[in-house]
Amino acid sequence: MSVLDNIVFLDQYNQWRRGADIPQPAPAAVGAAIDSVCEAAARYEELRKMNPRQFAELYERNLHGENFDVMVDELVKARAES
């Protein structure tokens, strides 16, 4: 599922949690959706903190064939390890 799909899923889960008359989602699906949204939030934060020069460097590398998501994930991982 996409991040947006996972956000919608978690919103429905929250409605169920608050008493909506909808089926209980599978716990494993809830966990996977939370993981996905947390990863997306970490990517967003990493990109948000970049200055224009840093973002331009990523963009240039992407134009030369590097996968943008992989590059951002590496930045997130490096920040978490430091």
N, C-alpha and C. Protein backbone atom coordinates (compact mmCIF):
# COMPACT_ATOMS: atom_id res chain seq x y z
N MET A 1 0.84 -1.19 0.00
CA MET A 1 0.00 0.00 0.00
C MET A 1 0.88 1.24 0.00
N SER A 2 0.36 2.29 -0.58
CA SER A 2 1.08 3.56 -0.57
C SER A 2 0.98 4.21 0.81
N VAL A 3 1.80 5.21 1.02
CA VAL A 3 1.75 5.93 2.30
C VAL A 3 0.35 6.53 2.49
N LEU A 4 -0.21 7.10 1.44
CA LEU A 4 -1.55 7.68 1.55
C LEU A 4 -2.58 6.60 1.90
N ASP A 5 -2.46 5.43 1.27
CA ASP A 5 -3.36 4.32 1.61
C ASP A 5 -3.23 3.94 3.08
N ASN A 6 -1.99 3.93 3.58
CA ASN A 6 -1.76 3.58 4.98
C ASN A 6 -2.31 4.64 5.92
N ILE A 7 -2.24 5.90 5.54
CA ILE A 7 -2.83 6.97 6.35
C ILE A 7 -4.34 6.78 6.44
N VAL A 8 -4.97 6.49 5.31
CA VAL A 8 -6.43 6.26 5.29
C VAL A 8 -6.75 5.04 6.15
N PHE A 9 -5.96 3.98 6.02
CA PHE A 9 -6.17 2.77 6.81
C PHE A 9 -6.08 3.08 8.30
N LEU A 10 -5.06 3.84 8.69
CA LEU A 10 -4.90 4.18 10.11
C LEU A 10 -6.02 5.08 10.61
N ASP A 11 -6.51 5.94 9.75
CA ASP A 11 -7.66 6.77 10.13
C ASP A 11 -8.88 5.88 10.40
N GLN A 12 -9.10 4.89 9.55
CA GLN A 12 -10.21 3.95 9.76
C GLN A 12 -10.00 3.13 11.02
N TYR A 13 -8.76 2.73 11.26
CA TYR A 13 -8.44 1.99 12.48
C TYR A 13 -8.78 2.85 13.70
N ASN A 14 -8.41 4.12 13.64
CA ASN A 14 -8.68 5.02 14.76
C ASN A 14 -10.19 5.19 14.96
N GLN A 15 -10.94 5.23 13.87
CA GLN A 15 -12.41 5.29 13.99
C GLN A 15 -12.93 4.05 14.70
N TRP A 16 -12.40 2.87 14.30
CA TRP A 16 -12.82 1.63 14.97
C TRP A 16 -12.47 1.69 16.46
N ARG A 17 -11.26 2.16 16.75
CA ARG A 17 -10.80 2.25 18.13
C ARG A 17 -11.69 3.14 18.97
N ARG A 18 -12.28 4.13 18.33
CA ARG A 18 -13.15 5.07 19.03
C ARG A 18 -14.62 4.63 19.03
N GLY A 19 -14.87 3.42 18.54
CA GLY A 19 -16.20 2.87 18.66
C GLY A 19 -17.02 2.79 17.39
N ALA A 20 -16.45 3.12 16.24
CA ALA A 20 -17.20 3.02 14.99
C ALA A 20 -17.58 1.56 14.74
N ASP A 21 -18.73 1.38 14.11
CA ASP A 21 -19.23 0.04 13.84
C ASP A 21 -18.65 -0.47 12.53
N ILE A 22 -17.35 -0.74 12.56
CA ILE A 22 -16.63 -1.29 11.41
C ILE A 22 -15.79 -2.46 11.91
N PRO A 23 -15.42 -3.38 11.00
CA PRO A 23 -14.63 -4.53 11.45
C PRO A 23 -13.27 -4.14 12.02
N GLN A 24 -12.82 -4.90 13.01
CA GLN A 24 -11.52 -4.66 13.61
C GLN A 24 -10.44 -5.02 12.59
N PRO A 25 -9.50 -4.10 12.35
CA PRO A 25 -8.41 -4.42 11.43
C PRO A 25 -7.45 -5.43 12.06
N ALA A 26 -6.78 -6.18 11.21
CA ALA A 26 -5.80 -7.16 11.69
C ALA A 26 -4.63 -6.42 12.35
N PRO A 27 -4.20 -6.86 13.53
CA PRO A 27 -3.09 -6.19 14.21
C PRO A 27 -1.82 -6.09 13.35
N ALA A 28 -1.52 -7.12 12.58
CA ALA A 28 -0.32 -7.08 11.74
C ALA A 28 -0.44 -5.98 10.68
N ALA A 29 -1.63 -5.79 10.15
CA ALA A 29 -1.85 -4.73 9.15
C ALA A 29 -1.70 -3.36 9.78
N VAL A 30 -2.17 -3.22 11.01
CA VAL A 30 -2.03 -1.94 11.73
C VAL A 30 -0.54 -1.65 11.95
N GLY A 31 0.21 -2.64 12.39
CA GLY A 31 1.64 -2.47 12.61
C GLY A 31 2.38 -2.10 11.33
N ALA A 32 2.04 -2.76 10.23
CA ALA A 32 2.70 -2.45 8.95
C ALA A 32 2.37 -1.04 8.50
N ALA A 33 1.14 -0.61 8.70
CA ALA A 33 0.74 0.75 8.32
C ALA A 33 1.47 1.79 9.17
N ILE A 34 1.59 1.51 10.46
CA ILE A 34 2.32 2.44 11.35
C ILE A 34 3.78 2.54 10.90
N ASP A 35 4.41 1.39 10.61
CA ASP A 35 5.80 1.41 10.14
C ASP A 35 5.95 2.25 8.88
N SER A 36 5.04 2.07 7.94
CA SER A 36 5.10 2.79 6.67
C SER A 36 4.98 4.30 6.88
N VAL A 37 4.04 4.71 7.70
CA VAL A 37 3.82 6.14 7.94
C VAL A 37 5.00 6.74 8.72
N CYS A 38 5.56 5.98 9.67
CA CYS A 38 6.72 6.47 10.41
C CYS A 38 7.92 6.65 9.48
N GLU A 39 8.14 5.71 8.56
CA GLU A 39 9.22 5.84 7.60
C GLU A 39 9.02 7.07 6.71
N ALA A 40 7.79 7.29 6.28
CA ALA A 40 7.50 8.46 5.45
C ALA A 40 7.73 9.75 6.22
N ALA A 41 7.37 9.77 7.48
CA ALA A 41 7.58 10.97 8.31
C ALA A 41 9.06 11.24 8.48
N ALA A 42 9.86 10.18 8.66
CA ALA A 42 11.31 10.36 8.80
C ALA A 42 11.91 10.90 7.51
N ARG A 43 11.45 10.40 6.36
CA ARG A 43 11.92 10.92 5.07
C ARG A 43 11.56 12.39 4.93
N TYR A 44 10.33 12.71 5.25
CA TYR A 44 9.87 14.10 5.14
C TYR A 44 10.74 15.01 6.01
N GLU A 45 10.99 14.61 7.24
CA GLU A 45 11.78 15.44 8.15
C GLU A 45 13.20 15.63 7.63
N GLU A 46 13.77 14.57 7.07
CA GLU A 46 15.13 14.68 6.53
C GLU A 46 15.16 15.68 5.38
N LEU A 47 14.18 15.61 4.49
CA LEU A 47 14.13 16.54 3.35
C LEU A 47 13.81 17.96 3.81
N ARG A 48 12.94 18.09 4.79
CA ARG A 48 12.55 19.41 5.28
C ARG A 48 13.73 20.17 5.88
N LYS A 49 14.65 19.45 6.47
CA LYS A 49 15.79 20.08 7.14
C LYS A 49 16.92 20.45 6.19
N MET A 50 16.83 20.01 4.93
CA MET A 50 17.88 20.30 3.97
C MET A 50 17.83 21.76 3.53
N ASN A 51 19.01 22.29 3.24
CA ASN A 51 19.04 23.61 2.63
C ASN A 51 18.95 23.42 1.10
N PRO A 52 18.69 24.48 0.35
CA PRO A 52 18.51 24.34 -1.10
C PRO A 52 19.71 23.68 -1.80
N ARG A 53 20.93 23.97 -1.37
CA ARG A 53 22.11 23.37 -2.00
C ARG A 53 22.11 21.85 -1.80
N GLN A 54 21.81 21.41 -0.58
CA GLN A 54 21.78 19.98 -0.30
C GLN A 54 20.71 19.28 -1.13
N PHE A 55 19.54 19.91 -1.23
CA PHE A 55 18.46 19.30 -2.01
C PHE A 55 18.83 19.26 -3.48
N ALA A 56 19.48 20.33 -3.98
CA ALA A 56 19.91 20.37 -5.38
C ALA A 56 20.90 19.26 -5.68
N GLU A 57 21.78 18.96 -4.72
CA GLU A 57 22.74 17.87 -4.91
C GLU A 57 22.03 16.52 -5.02
N LEU A 58 21.04 16.30 -4.17
CA LEU A 58 20.25 15.06 -4.28
C LEU A 58 19.54 14.99 -5.62
N TYR A 59 18.95 16.09 -6.03
CA TYR A 59 18.22 16.15 -7.29
C TYR A 59 19.16 15.84 -8.46
N GLU A 60 20.35 16.40 -8.44
CA GLU A 60 21.33 16.17 -9.50
C GLU A 60 21.72 14.70 -9.55
N ARG A 61 21.96 14.10 -8.39
CA ARG A 61 22.29 12.68 -8.35
C ARG A 61 21.14 11.84 -8.89
N ASN A 62 19.91 12.24 -8.57
CA ASN A 62 18.74 11.53 -9.08
C ASN A 62 18.67 11.62 -10.60
N LEU A 63 18.97 12.79 -11.14
CA LEU A 63 18.97 12.96 -12.61
C LEU A 63 20.00 12.06 -13.27
N HIS A 64 21.05 11.72 -12.54
CA HIS A 64 22.11 10.85 -13.07
C HIS A 64 21.85 9.37 -12.77
N GLY A 65 20.65 9.05 -12.31
CA GLY A 65 20.24 7.66 -12.20
C GLY A 65 20.12 7.08 -10.81
N GLU A 66 20.52 7.81 -9.78
CA GLU A 66 20.37 7.27 -8.43
C GLU A 66 18.91 7.37 -7.98
N ASN A 67 18.46 6.37 -7.27
CA ASN A 67 17.08 6.34 -6.79
C ASN A 67 16.92 7.34 -5.64
N PHE A 68 15.98 8.27 -5.80
CA PHE A 68 15.79 9.34 -4.81
C PHE A 68 15.42 8.78 -3.45
N ASP A 69 14.48 7.84 -3.41
CA ASP A 69 14.05 7.29 -2.12
C ASP A 69 15.20 6.58 -1.41
N VAL A 70 16.02 5.86 -2.16
CA VAL A 70 17.15 5.16 -1.56
C VAL A 70 18.13 6.16 -0.96
N MET A 71 18.39 7.25 -1.68
CA MET A 71 19.31 8.27 -1.16
C MET A 71 18.78 8.87 0.14
N VAL A 72 17.48 9.19 0.16
CA VAL A 72 16.90 9.79 1.36
C VAL A 72 16.91 8.78 2.51
N ASP A 73 16.59 7.53 2.21
CA ASP A 73 16.64 6.49 3.25
C ASP A 73 18.03 6.36 3.85
N GLU A 74 19.07 6.48 3.02
CA GLU A 74 20.44 6.41 3.52
C GLU A 74 20.73 7.60 4.45
N LEU A 75 20.22 8.77 4.12
CA LEU A 75 20.40 9.94 4.98
C LEU A 75 19.70 9.75 6.33
N VAL A 76 18.48 9.22 6.27
CA VAL A 76 17.73 8.96 7.51
C VAL A 76 18.48 7.95 8.38
N LYS A 77 19.00 6.90 7.75
CA LYS A 77 19.73 5.88 8.50
C LYS A 77 21.00 6.45 9.12
N ALA A 78 21.72 7.26 8.35
CA ALA A 78 22.95 7.87 8.86
C ALA A 78 22.66 8.78 10.05
N ARG A 79 21.57 9.55 9.98
CA ARG A 79 21.22 10.43 11.09
C ARG A 79 20.86 9.61 12.33
N ALA A 80 20.16 8.50 12.13
CA ALA A 80 19.76 7.65 13.26
C ALA A 80 20.97 7.00 13.93
N GLU A 81 22.00 6.71 13.14
CA GLU A 81 23.20 6.07 13.69
C GLU A 81 24.14 7.05 14.37
N SER A 82 23.95 8.35 14.10
CA SER A 82 24.87 9.33 14.69
C SER A 82 24.39 9.83 16.04
